[in-house]
Amino acid sequence: MKRVGLYFSLVLALFSFTVNAQESSKNMPSGSSKEVVSDKKENLEDRLYLELKDGRVVIDLMPDVAPKHVARIKELARDKFYDGIVFHRVIDGFMAQTGDPTGTGMGGSKKPNLSAEFSSTPHGRGVLSMARSSDPNSANSQFFIVLKDSNFLDGKYTVFGKVVQGMELVDKIKKGDSQKNGSVTAPDKIITLSVAADVK
């Protein structure tokens, strides 16, 4: 997991251009508290509960899109790897990044890196996608939650899940300094990240 933070910063110029081009658009999902989890989602094995300071966020995983990455995230969640890890980079109107135990954007788990599972699934608001270095096959444990549609990332990062409830809580995650690539001082953290099937 080398230089994840540096490589991710390379997309910011394109992001800034995209934001400016879309400022007049008002049709983005609101992420309100009225979001409802579908009753059709019965497989709790492919659902995560992300506990934040403001409450629970429900995430549905996409094993059909990125099976190896879904397996990794579930494995790490069951090892309680993510509990207490900070959101070290949060860029308003773009994304919130976490999953680095060092809190620097340069670290990861002790498990081997994963081969890319890029897909046509778009990086829409609420999507979870894996952070990586310039090497497409370097995703490990870091991931980000998309705060606003960011289709310029499509096909370049592995999408593995989506927030289905509680996006308004994700919006409350403390934002970073835009002059410092979104680096956050005294950042918010993941309280727990659990596989729903394991929660009583």
C-alpha atoms as a PDB file:
ATOM      1  CA  MET A   1       0.000   0.000   0.000  1.00  0.00           C
ATOM      2  CA  LYS A   2       2.539   2.549  -1.169  1.00  0.00           C
ATOM      3  CA  ARG A   3       1.805   6.183  -1.893  1.00  0.00           C
ATOM      4  CA  VAL A   4      -1.963   5.731  -1.798  1.00  0.00           C
ATOM      5  CA  GLY A   5      -2.466   9.291  -0.598  1.00  0.00           C
ATOM      6  CA  LEU A   6      -0.197  10.802  -3.226  1.00  0.00           C
ATOM      7  CA  TYR A   7      -1.765   8.947  -6.136  1.00  0.00           C
ATOM      8  CA  PHE A   8      -5.283   9.715  -4.981  1.00  0.00           C
ATOM      9  CA  SER A   9      -4.433  13.408  -4.984  1.00  0.00           C
ATOM     10  CA  LEU A  10      -3.802  13.231  -8.732  1.00  0.00           C
ATOM     11  CA  VAL A  11      -7.533  13.029  -9.366  1.00  0.00           C
ATOM     12  CA  LEU A  12      -8.256  16.257  -7.472  1.00  0.00           C
ATOM     13  CA  ALA A  13      -7.578  18.598 -10.386  1.00  0.00           C
ATOM     14  CA  LEU A  14     -10.056  16.681 -12.510  1.00  0.00           C
ATOM     15  CA  PHE A  15     -12.456  16.623  -9.568  1.00  0.00           C
ATOM     16  CA  SER A  16     -12.274  20.416  -9.221  1.00  0.00           C
ATOM     17  CA  PHE A  17     -13.051  20.842 -12.905  1.00  0.00           C
ATOM     18  CA  THR A  18     -15.997  18.443 -12.636  1.00  0.00           C
ATOM     19  CA  VAL A  19     -17.425  20.238  -9.596  1.00  0.00           C
ATOM     20  CA  ASN A  20     -17.270  23.601 -11.338  1.00  0.00           C
ATOM     21  CA  ALA A  21     -18.984  22.163 -14.383  1.00  0.00           C
ATOM     22  CA  GLN A  22     -21.786  20.699 -12.267  1.00  0.00           C
ATOM     23  CA  GLU A  23     -22.411  23.568  -9.847  1.00  0.00           C
ATOM     24  CA  SER A  24     -25.653  24.458 -11.571  1.00  0.00           C
ATOM     25  CA  SER A  25     -27.018  20.936 -11.248  1.00  0.00           C
ATOM     26  CA  LYS A  26     -29.430  20.473  -8.363  1.00  0.00           C
ATOM     27  CA  ASN A  27     -30.535  16.906  -8.987  1.00  0.00           C
ATOM     28  CA  MET A  28     -28.019  15.134  -6.763  1.00  0.00           C
ATOM     29  CA  PRO A  29     -29.403  12.627  -4.242  1.00  0.00           C
ATOM     30  CA  SER A  30     -30.234  14.370  -0.982  1.00  0.00           C
ATOM     31  CA  GLY A  31     -29.030  11.672   1.408  1.00  0.00           C
ATOM     32  CA  SER A  32     -31.878  12.519   3.744  1.00  0.00           C
ATOM     33  CA  SER A  33     -32.982  10.512   6.729  1.00  0.00           C
ATOM     34  CA  LYS A  34     -35.875   9.207   4.614  1.00  0.00           C
ATOM     35  CA  GLU A  35     -33.619   6.642   2.972  1.00  0.00           C
ATOM     36  CA  VAL A  36     -35.052   3.176   3.538  1.00  0.00           C
ATOM     37  CA  VAL A  37     -33.293  -0.178   3.435  1.00  0.00           C
ATOM     38  CA  SER A  38     -34.999  -2.503   0.984  1.00  0.00           C
ATOM     39  CA  ASP A  39     -36.828  -5.404   2.626  1.00  0.00           C
ATOM     40  CA  LYS A  40     -35.639  -7.535  -0.294  1.00  0.00           C
ATOM     41  CA  LYS A  41     -32.079  -7.484   1.038  1.00  0.00           C
ATOM     42  CA  GLU A  42     -32.218 -10.653   3.106  1.00  0.00           C
ATOM     43  CA  ASN A  43     -28.573 -11.730   2.946  1.00  0.00           C
ATOM     44  CA  LEU A  44     -27.055 -10.111   6.017  1.00  0.00           C
ATOM     45  CA  GLU A  45     -23.764 -11.773   5.115  1.00  0.00           C
ATOM     46  CA  ASP A  46     -23.392  -9.149   2.388  1.00  0.00           C
ATOM     47  CA  ARG A  47     -24.332  -6.159   4.508  1.00  0.00           C
ATOM     48  CA  LEU A  48     -22.141  -4.014   6.760  1.00  0.00           C
ATOM     49  CA  TYR A  49     -23.016  -1.851   9.746  1.00  0.00           C
ATOM     50  CA  LEU A  50     -20.744   1.182   9.984  1.00  0.00           C
ATOM     51  CA  GLU A  51     -21.076   2.847  13.367  1.00  0.00           C
ATOM     52  CA  LEU A  52     -20.148   6.538  13.367  1.00  0.00           C
ATOM     53  CA  LYS A  53     -20.344   9.139  16.101  1.00  0.00           C
ATOM     54  CA  ASP A  54     -23.781  10.191  14.855  1.00  0.00           C
ATOM     55  CA  GLY A  55     -25.249   6.720  14.362  1.00  0.00           C
ATOM     56  CA  ARG A  56     -25.381   3.648  12.137  1.00  0.00           C
ATOM     57  CA  VAL A  57     -24.766   3.573   8.405  1.00  0.00           C
ATOM     58  CA  VAL A  58     -25.999   0.515   6.493  1.00  0.00           C
ATOM     59  CA  ILE A  59     -23.926  -0.659   3.530  1.00  0.00           C
ATOM     60  CA  ASP A  60     -24.857  -3.327   1.011  1.00  0.00           C
ATOM     61  CA  LEU A  61     -21.875  -5.127  -0.490  1.00  0.00           C
ATOM     62  CA  MET A  62     -21.533  -6.149  -4.140  1.00  0.00           C
ATOM     63  CA  PRO A  63     -20.004  -9.643  -4.269  1.00  0.00           C
ATOM     64  CA  ASP A  64     -21.196  -9.995  -7.849  1.00  0.00           C
ATOM     65  CA  VAL A  65     -19.157  -6.924  -8.836  1.00  0.00           C
ATOM     66  CA  ALA A  66     -15.987  -7.343  -6.757  1.00  0.00           C
ATOM     67  CA  PRO A  67     -15.955 -10.718  -4.959  1.00  0.00           C
ATOM     68  CA  LYS A  68     -12.316 -10.604  -3.813  1.00  0.00           C
ATOM     69  CA  HIS A  69     -12.599  -7.096  -2.420  1.00  0.00           C
ATOM     70  CA  VAL A  70     -15.876  -7.870  -0.665  1.00  0.00           C
ATOM     71  CA  ALA A  71     -14.252 -10.926   0.908  1.00  0.00           C
ATOM     72  CA  ARG A  72     -11.304  -8.803   2.082  1.00  0.00           C
ATOM     73  CA  ILE A  73     -13.479  -6.100   3.625  1.00  0.00           C
ATOM     74  CA  LYS A  74     -15.565  -8.710   5.456  1.00  0.00           C
ATOM     75  CA  GLU A  75     -12.446 -10.511   6.657  1.00  0.00           C
ATOM     76  CA  LEU A  76     -10.939  -7.310   8.035  1.00  0.00           C
ATOM     77  CA  ALA A  77     -14.250  -6.251   9.596  1.00  0.00           C
ATOM     78  CA  ARG A  78     -14.492  -9.597  11.379  1.00  0.00           C
ATOM     79  CA  ASP A  79     -10.938  -9.120  12.626  1.00  0.00           C
ATOM     80  CA  LYS A  80     -12.082  -5.707  13.990  1.00  0.00           C
ATOM     81  CA  PHE A  81      -9.331  -4.145  11.899  1.00  0.00           C
ATOM     82  CA  TYR A  82     -11.383  -1.052  11.079  1.00  0.00           C
ATOM     83  CA  ASP A  83     -12.593  -0.306  14.604  1.00  0.00           C
ATOM     84  CA  GLY A  84     -11.126   3.008  15.711  1.00  0.00           C
ATOM     85  CA  ILE A  85      -9.511   3.873  12.359  1.00  0.00           C
ATOM     86  CA  VAL A  86      -9.878   7.520  11.354  1.00  0.00           C
ATOM     87  CA  PHE A  87     -11.194   9.196   8.217  1.00  0.00           C
ATOM     88  CA  HIS A  88      -7.817  10.705   7.407  1.00  0.00           C
ATOM     89  CA  ARG A  89      -8.822  12.405   4.142  1.00  0.00           C
ATOM     90  CA  VAL A  90     -12.255  13.968   3.670  1.00  0.00           C
ATOM     91  CA  ILE A  91     -12.894  16.341   0.787  1.00  0.00           C
ATOM     92  CA  ASP A  92     -16.185  18.222   0.877  1.00  0.00           C
ATOM     93  CA  GLY A  93     -18.298  17.382  -2.153  1.00  0.00           C
ATOM     94  CA  PHE A  94     -16.037  14.501  -3.161  1.00  0.00           C
ATOM     95  CA  MET A  95     -15.258  11.636  -0.768  1.00  0.00           C
ATOM     96  CA  ALA A  96     -14.337  10.429   2.732  1.00  0.00           C
ATOM     97  CA  GLN A  97     -11.333   8.075   2.892  1.00  0.00           C
ATOM     98  CA  THR A  98     -10.429   5.654   5.674  1.00  0.00           C
ATOM     99  CA  GLY A  99      -8.954   2.215   6.305  1.00  0.00           C
ATOM    100  CA  ASP A 100      -5.355   3.153   7.121  1.00  0.00           C
ATOM    101  CA  PRO A 101      -4.297   2.165  10.648  1.00  0.00           C
ATOM    102  CA  THR A 102      -1.485   4.729  10.536  1.00  0.00           C
ATOM    103  CA  GLY A 103      -3.893   7.560   9.740  1.00  0.00           C
ATOM    104  CA  THR A 104      -1.496   8.931   7.123  1.00  0.00           C
ATOM    105  CA  GLY A 105      -2.874   7.502   3.892  1.00  0.00           C
ATOM    106  CA  MET A 106       0.298   5.453   3.461  1.00  0.00           C
ATOM    107  CA  GLY A 107      -0.610   2.317   5.387  1.00  0.00           C
ATOM    108  CA  GLY A 108      -2.752  -0.769   5.141  1.00  0.00           C
ATOM    109  CA  SER A 109      -3.299  -4.229   6.568  1.00  0.00           C
ATOM    110  CA  LYS A 110      -0.664  -6.959   6.676  1.00  0.00           C
ATOM    111  CA  LYS A 111      -2.569  -8.932   4.086  1.00  0.00           C
ATOM    112  CA  PRO A 112      -1.392  -9.031   0.452  1.00  0.00           C
ATOM    113  CA  ASN A 113      -2.630  -6.436  -2.006  1.00  0.00           C
ATOM    114  CA  LEU A 114      -5.545  -7.318  -4.256  1.00  0.00           C
ATOM    115  CA  SER A 115      -5.760  -7.469  -8.020  1.00  0.00           C
ATOM    116  CA  ALA A 116      -8.099  -4.860  -9.468  1.00  0.00           C
ATOM    117  CA  GLU A 117     -11.752  -5.730 -10.039  1.00  0.00           C
ATOM    118  CA  PHE A 118     -12.711  -2.684 -12.066  1.00  0.00           C
ATOM    119  CA  SER A 119     -16.267  -2.647 -13.385  1.00  0.00           C
ATOM    120  CA  SER A 120     -18.832  -0.485 -15.122  1.00  0.00           C
ATOM    121  CA  THR A 121     -20.511   0.318 -11.791  1.00  0.00           C
ATOM    122  CA  PRO A 122     -20.489   4.134 -11.526  1.00  0.00           C
ATOM    123  CA  HIS A 123     -19.014   6.094  -8.639  1.00  0.00           C
ATOM    124  CA  GLY A 124     -22.317   7.632  -7.612  1.00  0.00           C
ATOM    125  CA  ARG A 125     -23.099   9.236  -4.280  1.00  0.00           C
ATOM    126  CA  GLY A 126     -22.933   6.666  -1.479  1.00  0.00           C
ATOM    127  CA  VAL A 127     -20.730   4.197  -3.350  1.00  0.00           C
ATOM    128  CA  LEU A 128     -17.779   2.561  -1.546  1.00  0.00           C
ATOM    129  CA  SER A 129     -14.630   2.051  -3.576  1.00  0.00           C
ATOM    130  CA  MET A 130     -11.092   0.921  -2.828  1.00  0.00           C
ATOM    131  CA  ALA A 131      -8.228   3.412  -2.605  1.00  0.00           C
ATOM    132  CA  ARG A 132      -4.944   2.392  -4.199  1.00  0.00           C
ATOM    133  CA  SER A 133      -1.551   3.637  -5.371  1.00  0.00           C
ATOM    134  CA  SER A 134      -0.612   4.219  -9.010  1.00  0.00           C
ATOM    135  CA  ASP A 135      -0.440   0.438  -9.346  1.00  0.00           C
ATOM    136  CA  PRO A 136      -3.969  -0.757 -10.251  1.00  0.00           C
ATOM    137  CA  ASN A 137      -3.339  -3.941  -8.264  1.00  0.00           C
ATOM    138  CA  SER A 138      -2.419  -2.288  -4.970  1.00  0.00           C
ATOM    139  CA  ALA A 139      -5.743  -2.029  -3.106  1.00  0.00           C
ATOM    140  CA  ASN A 140      -5.428  -3.448   0.390  1.00  0.00           C
ATOM    141  CA  SER A 141      -7.618  -2.047   3.169  1.00  0.00           C
ATOM    142  CA  GLN A 142      -8.194   1.635   2.437  1.00  0.00           C
ATOM    143  CA  PHE A 143     -11.501   2.667   0.927  1.00  0.00           C
ATOM    144  CA  PHE A 144     -13.539   5.788   0.364  1.00  0.00           C
ATOM    145  CA  ILE A 145     -17.211   6.720   0.411  1.00  0.00           C
ATOM    146  CA  VAL A 146     -18.327   8.940  -2.454  1.00  0.00           C
ATOM    147  CA  LEU A 147     -20.085  12.100  -1.224  1.00  0.00           C
ATOM    148  CA  LYS A 148     -21.098  13.368  -4.650  1.00  0.00           C
ATOM    149  CA  ASP A 149     -21.266  11.672  -8.043  1.00  0.00           C
ATOM    150  CA  SER A 150     -17.686  11.302  -9.280  1.00  0.00           C
ATOM    151  CA  ASN A 151     -17.922   9.469 -12.578  1.00  0.00           C
ATOM    152  CA  PHE A 152     -14.372  10.433 -13.575  1.00  0.00           C
ATOM    153  CA  LEU A 153     -13.294   7.612 -11.212  1.00  0.00           C
ATOM    154  CA  ASP A 154     -15.285   4.971 -13.093  1.00  0.00           C
ATOM    155  CA  GLY A 155     -13.243   2.017 -14.287  1.00  0.00           C
ATOM    156  CA  LYS A 156     -10.188   3.196 -12.344  1.00  0.00           C
ATOM    157  CA  TYR A 157     -11.071   2.078  -8.805  1.00  0.00           C
ATOM    158  CA  THR A 158     -12.817  -1.055  -7.535  1.00  0.00           C
ATOM    159  CA  VAL A 159     -16.397  -0.439  -6.419  1.00  0.00           C
ATOM    160  CA  PHE A 160     -17.527  -2.945  -3.794  1.00  0.00           C
ATOM    161  CA  GLY A 161     -20.561  -1.540  -1.982  1.00  0.00           C
ATOM    162  CA  LYS A 162     -23.074   1.244  -1.468  1.00  0.00           C
ATOM    163  CA  VAL A 163     -24.666   3.062   1.448  1.00  0.00           C
ATOM    164  CA  VAL A 164     -28.378   2.196   1.564  1.00  0.00           C
ATOM    165  CA  GLN A 165     -29.203   3.974   4.813  1.00  0.00           C
ATOM    166  CA  GLY A 166     -27.576   6.749   6.809  1.00  0.00           C
ATOM    167  CA  MET A 167     -25.866   8.752   4.082  1.00  0.00           C
ATOM    168  CA  GLU A 168     -26.799  11.887   5.997  1.00  0.00           C
ATOM    169  CA  LEU A 169     -24.511  10.596   8.772  1.00  0.00           C
ATOM    170  CA  VAL A 170     -21.648  10.142   6.332  1.00  0.00           C
ATOM    171  CA  ASP A 171     -22.182  13.759   5.265  1.00  0.00           C
ATOM    172  CA  LYS A 172     -21.459  14.806   8.863  1.00  0.00           C
ATOM    173  CA  ILE A 173     -17.962  13.276   8.906  1.00  0.00           C
ATOM    174  CA  LYS A 174     -15.474  16.032   9.673  1.00  0.00           C
ATOM    175  CA  LYS A 175     -14.069  17.597   6.505  1.00  0.00           C
ATOM    176  CA  GLY A 176     -10.401  18.171   5.802  1.00  0.00           C
ATOM    177  CA  ASP A 177      -8.381  21.158   4.649  1.00  0.00           C
ATOM    178  CA  SER A 178      -8.848  21.671   0.910  1.00  0.00           C
ATOM    179  CA  GLN A 179      -5.411  23.273   0.785  1.00  0.00           C
ATOM    180  CA  LYS A 180      -3.863  20.102   2.202  1.00  0.00           C
ATOM    181  CA  ASN A 181      -5.456  17.488  -0.060  1.00  0.00           C
ATOM    182  CA  GLY A 182      -8.301  16.955   2.392  1.00  0.00           C
ATOM    183  CA  SER A 183      -6.086  16.082   5.351  1.00  0.00           C
ATOM    184  CA  VAL A 184      -8.152  16.213   8.549  1.00  0.00           C
ATOM    185  CA  THR A 185      -7.028  17.572  11.906  1.00  0.00           C
ATOM    186  CA  ALA A 186      -8.524  15.646  14.850  1.00  0.00           C
ATOM    187  CA  PRO A 187     -10.463  13.443  12.417  1.00  0.00           C
ATOM    188  CA  ASP A 188     -13.632  11.492  13.031  1.00  0.00           C
ATOM    189  CA  LYS A 189     -13.227   7.741  13.229  1.00  0.00           C
ATOM    190  CA  ILE A 190     -14.985   4.468  12.610  1.00  0.00           C
ATOM    191  CA  ILE A 191     -16.402   3.293  15.913  1.00  0.00           C
ATOM    192  CA  THR A 192     -17.062  -0.197  14.563  1.00  0.00           C
ATOM    193  CA  LEU A 193     -17.469  -1.826  11.163  1.00  0.00           C
ATOM    194  CA  SER A 194     -19.304  -5.142  11.362  1.00  0.00           C
ATOM    195  CA  VAL A 195     -20.807  -7.760   9.071  1.00  0.00           C
ATOM    196  CA  ALA A 196     -24.537  -7.538   9.735  1.00  0.00           C
ATOM    197  CA  ALA A 197     -24.875 -11.319  10.036  1.00  0.00           C
ATOM    198  CA  ASP A 198     -22.599 -11.192  13.083  1.00  0.00           C
ATOM    199  CA  VAL A 199     -24.582  -8.508  14.916  1.00  0.00           C
ATOM    200  CA  LYS A 200     -27.124  -9.775  17.420  1.00  0.00           C
END
